[in-house]
Amino acid sequence: MPKFSIVVPFHNEQESITELYDRLKAVMESAGDPFELVFVDDGSRDQTFHLLQEIAAIDSRVVVVKLSRNFGQTSALAAGFDHAQGEYVIAMDGDLQHDPDDIPAFIEKINEGYDIVSGWRKVRIDNLMMRRIPSRCANWLMSKLSGVDLHDFGTTYKAYRRELIEQVPLYGEGMHRFIPALASWYGARICEIPIRNINRDKGKSHYGITRTFRVFFDLITIRFLLKYLSRPLHFFGTVGMAGIFGGSAIALWMMALKLFFHANVMDEHGPLLILAAVMIV
């Protein structure tokens, strides 16, 4: 059984596959521990899957997973995690923006006993207005909401203990970014290491400004999960009780009008009566 599983999702990355495989193989062979490479084709329309099949045919350490359509990076990573057999799982992008030479630093921290080692793009080369500033705001907000002191939640480049990753539910479009926040609920030991931020020179980026807006909605979801995951009635119960008390107060007031002042409640306060009923329900 391999000690390390490298999980890489691909979507239309035919230009990067061969180089990434060669570099990953060289780094992991130098590390000396048994490993496997789990490559996930996330519904690519180019030659990505064909190239992955060719690599798997000549290297038994390569596992290829094909998704029937483009489900998104979170689903692709979840599929890779399901097929990973290693004691530790390292996830990274397939576009060569994550440097395989950083893997030994992840391994070093994992060997120190950490459950999650998260990459930190300390020196970023992205567009200032479209990527860096929104990312910095999102990372700061995520750190405050989750209580996990990380500088970079957004990067896929992370290492996990497999027993932990199996406990964390993965769904939606971008929830993989927040695995450290969810894992903190399970008591995970988390640390962060600087990684190189490389500008891609092959293929086309799949990220745009719209992803930034989706991240902010994910933040709300994560906050809810972290605070109410084990006790959802603390949230829904509070809202429900507020509705019951508010609706009952309105209903009692209108009952008093009817009994003591003989008011025609439906004619004079019809909408308010409906509101009271809806609030109680």
C-alpha atoms as a PDB file:
ATOM      1  CA  MET A   1       0.000   0.000   0.000  1.00  0.00           C
ATOM      2  CA  PRO A   2       1.360   3.460  -0.890  1.00  0.00           C
ATOM      3  CA  LYS A   3       2.206   5.917   1.839  1.00  0.00           C
ATOM      4  CA  PHE A   4       1.355   8.961  -0.271  1.00  0.00           C
ATOM      5  CA  SER A   5      -1.407   9.560  -2.804  1.00  0.00           C
ATOM      6  CA  ILE A   6      -1.065  12.593  -5.066  1.00  0.00           C
ATOM      7  CA  VAL A   7      -4.549  13.601  -6.245  1.00  0.00           C
ATOM      8  CA  VAL A   8      -4.704  15.882  -9.278  1.00  0.00           C
ATOM      9  CA  PRO A   9      -7.943  16.934 -11.038  1.00  0.00           C
ATOM     10  CA  PHE A  10      -7.672  17.856 -14.716  1.00  0.00           C
ATOM     11  CA  HIS A  11     -10.071  19.747 -16.955  1.00  0.00           C
ATOM     12  CA  ASN A  12      -8.820  20.402 -20.488  1.00  0.00           C
ATOM     13  CA  GLU A  13      -5.160  20.384 -19.428  1.00  0.00           C
ATOM     14  CA  GLN A  14      -3.617  18.340 -22.241  1.00  0.00           C
ATOM     15  CA  GLU A  15      -0.646  20.725 -22.525  1.00  0.00           C
ATOM     16  CA  SER A  16       0.400  20.194 -18.904  1.00  0.00           C
ATOM     17  CA  ILE A  17      -0.124  16.496 -18.271  1.00  0.00           C
ATOM     18  CA  THR A  18       3.135  14.984 -19.515  1.00  0.00           C
ATOM     19  CA  GLU A  19       5.375  17.566 -17.857  1.00  0.00           C
ATOM     20  CA  LEU A  20       3.467  17.395 -14.577  1.00  0.00           C
ATOM     21  CA  TYR A  21       3.659  13.599 -14.525  1.00  0.00           C
ATOM     22  CA  ASP A  22       7.410  13.603 -15.182  1.00  0.00           C
ATOM     23  CA  ARG A  23       8.048  16.134 -12.432  1.00  0.00           C
ATOM     24  CA  LEU A  24       5.787  14.419  -9.910  1.00  0.00           C
ATOM     25  CA  LYS A  25       7.394  11.059 -10.575  1.00  0.00           C
ATOM     26  CA  ALA A  26      10.891  12.484 -10.138  1.00  0.00           C
ATOM     27  CA  VAL A  27      10.008  14.236  -6.864  1.00  0.00           C
ATOM     28  CA  MET A  28       8.197  11.275  -5.333  1.00  0.00           C
ATOM     29  CA  GLU A  29      10.883   8.775  -6.348  1.00  0.00           C
ATOM     30  CA  SER A  30      13.462  11.027  -4.705  1.00  0.00           C
ATOM     31  CA  ALA A  31      11.367  11.087  -1.519  1.00  0.00           C
ATOM     32  CA  GLY A  32      11.802   7.318  -1.286  1.00  0.00           C
ATOM     33  CA  ASP A  33       8.347   6.380   0.074  1.00  0.00           C
ATOM     34  CA  PRO A  34       5.791   4.259  -1.830  1.00  0.00           C
ATOM     35  CA  PHE A  35       3.348   6.484  -3.698  1.00  0.00           C
ATOM     36  CA  GLU A  36       0.563   6.569  -6.224  1.00  0.00           C
ATOM     37  CA  LEU A  37      -0.676   9.280  -8.590  1.00  0.00           C
ATOM     38  CA  VAL A  38      -4.456   9.622  -8.765  1.00  0.00           C
ATOM     39  CA  PHE A  39      -5.376  11.627 -11.866  1.00  0.00           C
ATOM     40  CA  VAL A  40      -9.012  12.673 -12.252  1.00  0.00           C
ATOM     41  CA  ASP A  41     -10.385  13.745 -15.626  1.00  0.00           C
ATOM     42  CA  ASP A  42     -13.208  16.159 -14.841  1.00  0.00           C
ATOM     43  CA  GLY A  43     -15.131  15.829 -18.107  1.00  0.00           C
ATOM     44  CA  SER A  44     -12.404  17.196 -20.387  1.00  0.00           C
ATOM     45  CA  ARG A  45     -13.212  17.770 -24.054  1.00  0.00           C
ATOM     46  CA  ASP A  46      -9.636  17.671 -25.344  1.00  0.00           C
ATOM     47  CA  GLN A  47      -7.060  14.844 -25.248  1.00  0.00           C
ATOM     48  CA  THR A  48      -6.648  14.920 -21.461  1.00  0.00           C
ATOM     49  CA  PHE A  49      -8.197  11.510 -20.780  1.00  0.00           C
ATOM     50  CA  HIS A  50      -6.372   9.869 -23.699  1.00  0.00           C
ATOM     51  CA  LEU A  51      -3.014  11.124 -22.405  1.00  0.00           C
ATOM     52  CA  LEU A  52      -3.813  10.003 -18.867  1.00  0.00           C
ATOM     53  CA  GLN A  53      -4.668   6.527 -20.152  1.00  0.00           C
ATOM     54  CA  GLU A  54      -1.343   6.328 -21.989  1.00  0.00           C
ATOM     55  CA  ILE A  55       0.540   7.246 -18.815  1.00  0.00           C
ATOM     56  CA  ALA A  56      -1.400   4.710 -16.728  1.00  0.00           C
ATOM     57  CA  ALA A  57      -0.617   2.001 -19.286  1.00  0.00           C
ATOM     58  CA  ILE A  58       3.126   2.367 -18.697  1.00  0.00           C
ATOM     59  CA  ASP A  59       3.121   3.184 -14.970  1.00  0.00           C
ATOM     60  CA  SER A  60       1.137   0.983 -12.576  1.00  0.00           C
ATOM     61  CA  ARG A  61       1.403   3.677  -9.882  1.00  0.00           C
ATOM     62  CA  VAL A  62      -0.954   5.891 -11.872  1.00  0.00           C
ATOM     63  CA  VAL A  63      -4.695   5.611 -11.220  1.00  0.00           C
ATOM     64  CA  VAL A  64      -7.008   7.355 -13.683  1.00  0.00           C
ATOM     65  CA  VAL A  65     -10.551   8.334 -12.728  1.00  0.00           C
ATOM     66  CA  LYS A  66     -12.911   9.649 -15.400  1.00  0.00           C
ATOM     67  CA  LEU A  67     -16.015  11.678 -14.585  1.00  0.00           C
ATOM     68  CA  SER A  68     -18.886  11.545 -17.069  1.00  0.00           C
ATOM     69  CA  ARG A  69     -19.062  15.338 -17.313  1.00  0.00           C
ATOM     70  CA  ASN A  70     -17.520  18.470 -15.812  1.00  0.00           C
ATOM     71  CA  PHE A  71     -18.706  18.381 -12.176  1.00  0.00           C
ATOM     72  CA  GLY A  72     -16.245  20.973 -10.866  1.00  0.00           C
ATOM     73  CA  GLN A  73     -13.064  20.841  -8.837  1.00  0.00           C
ATOM     74  CA  THR A  74     -14.642  19.855  -5.521  1.00  0.00           C
ATOM     75  CA  SER A  75     -16.373  16.815  -7.016  1.00  0.00           C
ATOM     76  CA  ALA A  76     -13.226  15.860  -8.918  1.00  0.00           C
ATOM     77  CA  LEU A  77     -11.157  16.019  -5.745  1.00  0.00           C
ATOM     78  CA  ALA A  78     -13.780  14.020  -3.843  1.00  0.00           C
ATOM     79  CA  ALA A  79     -13.609  11.323  -6.524  1.00  0.00           C
ATOM     80  CA  GLY A  80      -9.817  11.308  -6.264  1.00  0.00           C
ATOM     81  CA  PHE A  81      -9.958  11.059  -2.466  1.00  0.00           C
ATOM     82  CA  ASP A  82     -12.339   8.091  -2.755  1.00  0.00           C
ATOM     83  CA  HIS A  83      -9.830   6.238  -4.949  1.00  0.00           C
ATOM     84  CA  ALA A  84      -6.730   7.209  -2.956  1.00  0.00           C
ATOM     85  CA  GLN A  85      -5.147   4.376  -0.976  1.00  0.00           C
ATOM     86  CA  GLY A  86      -2.275   6.236   0.641  1.00  0.00           C
ATOM     87  CA  GLU A  87      -1.924   7.002   4.322  1.00  0.00           C
ATOM     88  CA  TYR A  88      -1.526  10.666   3.364  1.00  0.00           C
ATOM     89  CA  VAL A  89      -3.143  12.520   0.475  1.00  0.00           C
ATOM     90  CA  ILE A  90      -1.607  15.519  -1.298  1.00  0.00           C
ATOM     91  CA  ALA A  91      -3.965  17.500  -3.547  1.00  0.00           C
ATOM     92  CA  MET A  92      -2.799  19.927  -6.219  1.00  0.00           C
ATOM     93  CA  ASP A  93      -3.922  21.557  -9.464  1.00  0.00           C
ATOM     94  CA  GLY A  94      -3.070  20.097 -12.839  1.00  0.00           C
ATOM     95  CA  ASP A  95      -2.102  23.321 -14.607  1.00  0.00           C
ATOM     96  CA  LEU A  96       1.552  23.497 -13.398  1.00  0.00           C
ATOM     97  CA  GLN A  97       0.847  26.510 -11.205  1.00  0.00           C
ATOM     98  CA  HIS A  98       1.652  24.279  -8.250  1.00  0.00           C
ATOM     99  CA  ASP A  99       5.310  23.323  -8.150  1.00  0.00           C
ATOM    100  CA  PRO A 100       5.906  19.593  -7.454  1.00  0.00           C
ATOM    101  CA  ASP A 101       9.243  20.586  -5.883  1.00  0.00           C
ATOM    102  CA  ASP A 102       7.232  21.914  -2.899  1.00  0.00           C
ATOM    103  CA  ILE A 103       6.000  18.416  -2.034  1.00  0.00           C
ATOM    104  CA  PRO A 104       8.972  17.535   0.251  1.00  0.00           C
ATOM    105  CA  ALA A 105       8.027  20.508   2.454  1.00  0.00           C
ATOM    106  CA  PHE A 106       4.505  19.095   2.814  1.00  0.00           C
ATOM    107  CA  ILE A 107       5.899  15.655   3.624  1.00  0.00           C
ATOM    108  CA  GLU A 108       8.204  17.127   6.268  1.00  0.00           C
ATOM    109  CA  LYS A 109       5.291  18.763   8.100  1.00  0.00           C
ATOM    110  CA  ILE A 110       3.079  15.687   7.766  1.00  0.00           C
ATOM    111  CA  ASN A 111       5.845  13.627   9.342  1.00  0.00           C
ATOM    112  CA  GLU A 112       5.872  16.063  12.253  1.00  0.00           C
ATOM    113  CA  GLY A 113       2.340  14.950  13.092  1.00  0.00           C
ATOM    114  CA  TYR A 114       0.097  17.537  11.467  1.00  0.00           C
ATOM    115  CA  ASP A 115      -3.251  16.362  10.061  1.00  0.00           C
ATOM    116  CA  ILE A 116      -3.449  19.081   7.413  1.00  0.00           C
ATOM    117  CA  VAL A 117      -0.649  21.058   5.796  1.00  0.00           C
ATOM    118  CA  SER A 118      -1.972  23.962   3.739  1.00  0.00           C
ATOM    119  CA  GLY A 119      -0.078  25.811   1.040  1.00  0.00           C
ATOM    120  CA  TRP A 120       0.281  29.577   1.273  1.00  0.00           C
ATOM    121  CA  ARG A 121       0.903  31.611  -1.863  1.00  0.00           C
ATOM    122  CA  LYS A 122       2.913  34.142   0.114  1.00  0.00           C
ATOM    123  CA  VAL A 123       4.126  35.977  -2.987  1.00  0.00           C
ATOM    124  CA  ARG A 124       1.283  36.126  -5.486  1.00  0.00           C
ATOM    125  CA  ILE A 125       1.602  37.045  -9.138  1.00  0.00           C
ATOM    126  CA  ASP A 126      -2.111  37.266  -9.973  1.00  0.00           C
ATOM    127  CA  ASN A 127      -3.913  40.363 -11.153  1.00  0.00           C
ATOM    128  CA  LEU A 128      -4.058  42.841  -8.256  1.00  0.00           C
ATOM    129  CA  MET A 129      -7.634  44.087  -8.596  1.00  0.00           C
ATOM    130  CA  MET A 130      -9.327  40.969  -9.965  1.00  0.00           C
ATOM    131  CA  ARG A 131      -7.621  38.275  -7.890  1.00  0.00           C
ATOM    132  CA  ARG A 132      -5.285  39.390  -5.113  1.00  0.00           C
ATOM    133  CA  ILE A 133      -7.442  41.973  -3.340  1.00  0.00           C
ATOM    134  CA  PRO A 134     -10.691  39.907  -3.420  1.00  0.00           C
ATOM    135  CA  SER A 135      -8.706  36.838  -2.345  1.00  0.00           C
ATOM    136  CA  ARG A 136      -7.095  38.662   0.565  1.00  0.00           C
ATOM    137  CA  CYS A 137     -10.497  39.903   1.761  1.00  0.00           C
ATOM    138  CA  ALA A 138     -12.036  36.426   1.475  1.00  0.00           C
ATOM    139  CA  ASN A 139      -9.122  34.771   3.278  1.00  0.00           C
ATOM    140  CA  TRP A 140      -9.240  37.314   6.118  1.00  0.00           C
ATOM    141  CA  LEU A 141     -12.988  36.853   6.508  1.00  0.00           C
ATOM    142  CA  MET A 142     -12.717  33.068   6.377  1.00  0.00           C
ATOM    143  CA  SER A 143     -10.023  33.098   9.042  1.00  0.00           C
ATOM    144  CA  LYS A 144     -12.208  35.183  11.356  1.00  0.00           C
ATOM    145  CA  LEU A 145     -15.363  33.164  10.746  1.00  0.00           C
ATOM    146  CA  SER A 146     -13.740  29.752  11.128  1.00  0.00           C
ATOM    147  CA  GLY A 147     -11.179  30.514  13.827  1.00  0.00           C
ATOM    148  CA  VAL A 148      -8.507  28.794  11.711  1.00  0.00           C
ATOM    149  CA  ASP A 149      -5.463  31.023  11.327  1.00  0.00           C
ATOM    150  CA  LEU A 150      -4.561  30.524   7.657  1.00  0.00           C
ATOM    151  CA  HIS A 151      -3.494  33.106   5.101  1.00  0.00           C
ATOM    152  CA  ASP A 152      -4.616  31.175   2.008  1.00  0.00           C
ATOM    153  CA  PHE A 153      -7.767  29.061   2.042  1.00  0.00           C
ATOM    154  CA  GLY A 154      -8.153  29.245  -1.735  1.00  0.00           C
ATOM    155  CA  THR A 155      -5.288  27.092  -2.946  1.00  0.00           C
ATOM    156  CA  THR A 156      -5.906  23.418  -3.690  1.00  0.00           C
ATOM    157  CA  TYR A 157      -2.304  22.566  -2.775  1.00  0.00           C
ATOM    158  CA  LYS A 158      -2.704  20.826   0.581  1.00  0.00           C
ATOM    159  CA  ALA A 159      -1.704  17.605   2.313  1.00  0.00           C
ATOM    160  CA  TYR A 160      -4.114  15.595   4.445  1.00  0.00           C
ATOM    161  CA  ARG A 161      -4.136  12.567   6.678  1.00  0.00           C
ATOM    162  CA  ARG A 162      -6.518  10.233   4.859  1.00  0.00           C
ATOM    163  CA  GLU A 163      -8.472   9.204   7.972  1.00  0.00           C
ATOM    164  CA  LEU A 164      -9.345  12.869   8.480  1.00  0.00           C
ATOM    165  CA  ILE A 165     -10.339  13.637   4.896  1.00  0.00           C
ATOM    166  CA  GLU A 166     -12.757  10.701   4.987  1.00  0.00           C
ATOM    167  CA  GLN A 167     -14.682  12.412   7.800  1.00  0.00           C
ATOM    168  CA  VAL A 168     -15.093  15.763   6.043  1.00  0.00           C
ATOM    169  CA  PRO A 169     -18.134  16.025   3.719  1.00  0.00           C
ATOM    170  CA  LEU A 170     -17.320  17.450   0.293  1.00  0.00           C
ATOM    171  CA  TYR A 171     -20.064  18.839  -1.929  1.00  0.00           C
ATOM    172  CA  GLY A 172     -20.912  21.919  -3.944  1.00  0.00           C
ATOM    173  CA  GLU A 173     -18.625  23.765  -6.304  1.00  0.00           C
ATOM    174  CA  GLY A 174     -15.837  25.176  -4.172  1.00  0.00           C
ATOM    175  CA  MET A 175     -16.122  23.633  -0.733  1.00  0.00           C
ATOM    176  CA  HIS A 176     -12.717  21.937  -1.041  1.00  0.00           C
ATOM    177  CA  ARG A 177     -11.148  25.323  -0.252  1.00  0.00           C
ATOM    178  CA  PHE A 178     -12.606  25.152   3.226  1.00  0.00           C
ATOM    179  CA  ILE A 179     -11.567  21.645   4.244  1.00  0.00           C
ATOM    180  CA  PRO A 180      -9.245  23.064   6.957  1.00  0.00           C
ATOM    181  CA  ALA A 181     -12.146  25.032   8.435  1.00  0.00           C
ATOM    182  CA  LEU A 182     -14.416  21.967   8.451  1.00  0.00           C
ATOM    183  CA  ALA A 183     -11.616  19.730   9.719  1.00  0.00           C
ATOM    184  CA  SER A 184     -10.975  22.079  12.633  1.00  0.00           C
ATOM    185  CA  TRP A 185     -14.373  20.996  13.969  1.00  0.00           C
ATOM    186  CA  TYR A 186     -12.932  17.465  14.232  1.00  0.00           C
ATOM    187  CA  GLY A 187      -9.898  18.737  16.147  1.00  0.00           C
ATOM    188  CA  ALA A 188      -7.408  18.544  13.295  1.00  0.00           C
ATOM    189  CA  ARG A 189      -3.866  19.859  13.752  1.00  0.00           C
ATOM    190  CA  ILE A 190      -3.312  22.357  10.942  1.00  0.00           C
ATOM    191  CA  CYS A 191      -0.266  24.270   9.755  1.00  0.00           C
ATOM    192  CA  GLU A 192       0.683  26.372   6.748  1.00  0.00           C
ATOM    193  CA  ILE A 193       3.789  26.464   4.558  1.00  0.00           C
ATOM    194  CA  PRO A 194       4.799  28.949   1.839  1.00  0.00           C
ATOM    195  CA  ILE A 195       4.562  27.621  -1.720  1.00  0.00           C
ATOM    196  CA  ARG A 196       5.643  29.026  -5.043  1.00  0.00           C
ATOM    197  CA  ASN A 197       3.000  30.808  -7.108  1.00  0.00           C
ATOM    198  CA  ILE A 198       3.824  30.073 -10.744  1.00  0.00           C
ATOM    199  CA  ASN A 199       2.220  31.847 -13.666  1.00  0.00           C
ATOM    200  CA  ARG A 200       0.755  29.313 -16.068  1.00  0.00           C
ATOM    201  CA  ASP A 201       2.219  29.377 -19.560  1.00  0.00           C
ATOM    202  CA  LYS A 202       0.132  26.547 -21.020  1.00  0.00           C
ATOM    203  CA  GLY A 203      -3.598  26.193 -21.412  1.00  0.00           C
ATOM    204  CA  LYS A 204      -6.288  28.594 -20.297  1.00  0.00           C
ATOM    205  CA  SER A 205      -7.300  29.552 -16.772  1.00  0.00           C
ATOM    206  CA  HIS A 206     -10.701  28.293 -15.624  1.00  0.00           C
ATOM    207  CA  TYR A 207     -11.051  30.951 -12.925  1.00  0.00           C
ATOM    208  CA  GLY A 208     -12.670  34.339 -13.244  1.00  0.00           C
ATOM    209  CA  ILE A 209     -14.102  37.118 -11.132  1.00  0.00           C
ATOM    210  CA  THR A 210     -17.405  35.217 -10.816  1.00  0.00           C
ATOM    211  CA  ARG A 211     -15.643  32.599  -8.709  1.00  0.00           C
ATOM    212  CA  THR A 212     -14.847  35.300  -6.137  1.00  0.00           C
ATOM    213  CA  PHE A 213     -18.541  36.033  -5.647  1.00  0.00           C
ATOM    214  CA  ARG A 214     -19.324  32.330  -5.253  1.00  0.00           C
ATOM    215  CA  VAL A 215     -16.649  32.094  -2.572  1.00  0.00           C
ATOM    216  CA  PHE A 216     -18.434  34.678  -0.437  1.00  0.00           C
ATOM    217  CA  PHE A 217     -21.637  32.593  -0.562  1.00  0.00           C
ATOM    218  CA  ASP A 218     -19.581  29.551   0.424  1.00  0.00           C
ATOM    219  CA  LEU A 219     -18.336  31.512   3.434  1.00  0.00           C
ATOM    220  CA  ILE A 220     -21.897  31.829   4.715  1.00  0.00           C
ATOM    221  CA  THR A 221     -22.416  28.084   4.277  1.00  0.00           C
ATOM    222  CA  ILE A 222     -19.198  27.271   6.123  1.00  0.00           C
ATOM    223  CA  ARG A 223     -20.089  29.572   9.002  1.00  0.00           C
ATOM    224  CA  PHE A 224     -23.432  27.851   9.358  1.00  0.00           C
ATOM    225  CA  LEU A 225     -21.844  24.379   9.234  1.00  0.00           C
ATOM    226  CA  LEU A 226     -19.189  25.227  11.794  1.00  0.00           C
ATOM    227  CA  LYS A 227     -21.609  26.775  14.263  1.00  0.00           C
ATOM    228  CA  TYR A 228     -24.652  24.527  13.876  1.00  0.00           C
ATOM    229  CA  LEU A 229     -23.347  21.247  12.374  1.00  0.00           C
ATOM    230  CA  SER A 230     -24.104  19.179  15.489  1.00  0.00           C
ATOM    231  CA  ARG A 231     -27.041  21.240  16.760  1.00  0.00           C
ATOM    232  CA  PRO A 232     -29.069  22.634  13.823  1.00  0.00           C
ATOM    233  CA  LEU A 233     -32.095  23.271  16.059  1.00  0.00           C
ATOM    234  CA  HIS A 234     -30.107  25.999  17.802  1.00  0.00           C
ATOM    235  CA  PHE A 235     -30.515  27.924  14.554  1.00  0.00           C
ATOM    236  CA  PHE A 236     -33.861  26.700  13.195  1.00  0.00           C
ATOM    237  CA  GLY A 237     -35.350  26.425  16.691  1.00  0.00           C
ATOM    238  CA  THR A 238     -34.523  30.052  17.452  1.00  0.00           C
ATOM    239  CA  VAL A 239     -36.098  31.240  14.214  1.00  0.00           C
ATOM    240  CA  GLY A 240     -39.100  28.980  14.779  1.00  0.00           C
ATOM    241  CA  MET A 241     -39.707  30.128  18.337  1.00  0.00           C
ATOM    242  CA  ALA A 242     -39.452  33.759  17.272  1.00  0.00           C
ATOM    243  CA  GLY A 243     -42.149  33.077  14.667  1.00  0.00           C
ATOM    244  CA  ILE A 244     -44.382  31.267  17.143  1.00  0.00           C
ATOM    245  CA  PHE A 245     -44.170  33.977  19.783  1.00  0.00           C
ATOM    246  CA  GLY A 246     -44.539  36.806  17.278  1.00  0.00           C
ATOM    247  CA  GLY A 247     -47.504  35.202  15.511  1.00  0.00           C
ATOM    248  CA  SER A 248     -49.166  34.257  18.796  1.00  0.00           C
ATOM    249  CA  ALA A 249     -48.829  37.814  20.119  1.00  0.00           C
ATOM    250  CA  ILE A 250     -50.516  39.206  17.004  1.00  0.00           C
ATOM    251  CA  ALA A 251     -53.252  36.548  17.187  1.00  0.00           C
ATOM    252  CA  LEU A 252     -53.930  37.277  20.867  1.00  0.00           C
ATOM    253  CA  TRP A 253     -54.138  41.005  20.177  1.00  0.00           C
ATOM    254  CA  MET A 254     -56.691  40.438  17.414  1.00  0.00           C
ATOM    255  CA  MET A 255     -58.628  38.029  19.636  1.00  0.00           C
ATOM    256  CA  ALA A 256     -58.846  40.759  22.245  1.00  0.00           C
ATOM    257  CA  LEU A 257     -60.132  43.191  19.614  1.00  0.00           C
ATOM    258  CA  LYS A 258     -62.799  40.690  18.614  1.00  0.00           C
ATOM    259  CA  LEU A 259     -63.910  39.782  22.127  1.00  0.00           C
ATOM    260  CA  PHE A 260     -63.809  43.153  23.862  1.00  0.00           C
ATOM    261  CA  PHE A 261     -64.328  45.647  21.055  1.00  0.00           C
ATOM    262  CA  HIS A 262     -66.383  43.480  18.662  1.00  0.00           C
ATOM    263  CA  ALA A 263     -64.127  44.425  15.794  1.00  0.00           C
ATOM    264  CA  ASN A 264     -64.488  42.745  12.390  1.00  0.00           C
ATOM    265  CA  VAL A 265     -60.990  41.268  12.362  1.00  0.00           C
ATOM    266  CA  MET A 266     -61.062  39.897   8.801  1.00  0.00           C
ATOM    267  CA  ASP A 267     -62.232  43.188   7.290  1.00  0.00           C
ATOM    268  CA  GLU A 268     -60.021  45.472   9.353  1.00  0.00           C
ATOM    269  CA  HIS A 269     -56.915  43.329   9.873  1.00  0.00           C
ATOM    270  CA  GLY A 270     -57.088  40.575   7.262  1.00  0.00           C
ATOM    271  CA  PRO A 271     -53.444  40.802   6.079  1.00  0.00           C
ATOM    272  CA  LEU A 272     -52.205  40.923   9.673  1.00  0.00           C
ATOM    273  CA  LEU A 273     -54.221  37.807  10.523  1.00  0.00           C
ATOM    274  CA  ILE A 274     -52.654  35.946   7.599  1.00  0.00           C
ATOM    275  CA  LEU A 275     -49.202  37.127   8.711  1.00  0.00           C
ATOM    276  CA  ALA A 276     -49.842  35.788  12.219  1.00  0.00           C
ATOM    277  CA  ALA A 277     -50.892  32.408  10.846  1.00  0.00           C
ATOM    278  CA  VAL A 278     -47.825  32.188   8.605  1.00  0.00           C
ATOM    279  CA  MET A 279     -45.496  33.135  11.442  1.00  0.00           C
ATOM    280  CA  ILE A 280     -46.956  30.439  13.712  1.00  0.00           C
ATOM    281  CA  VAL A 281     -46.655  27.793  10.976  1.00  0.00           C
END
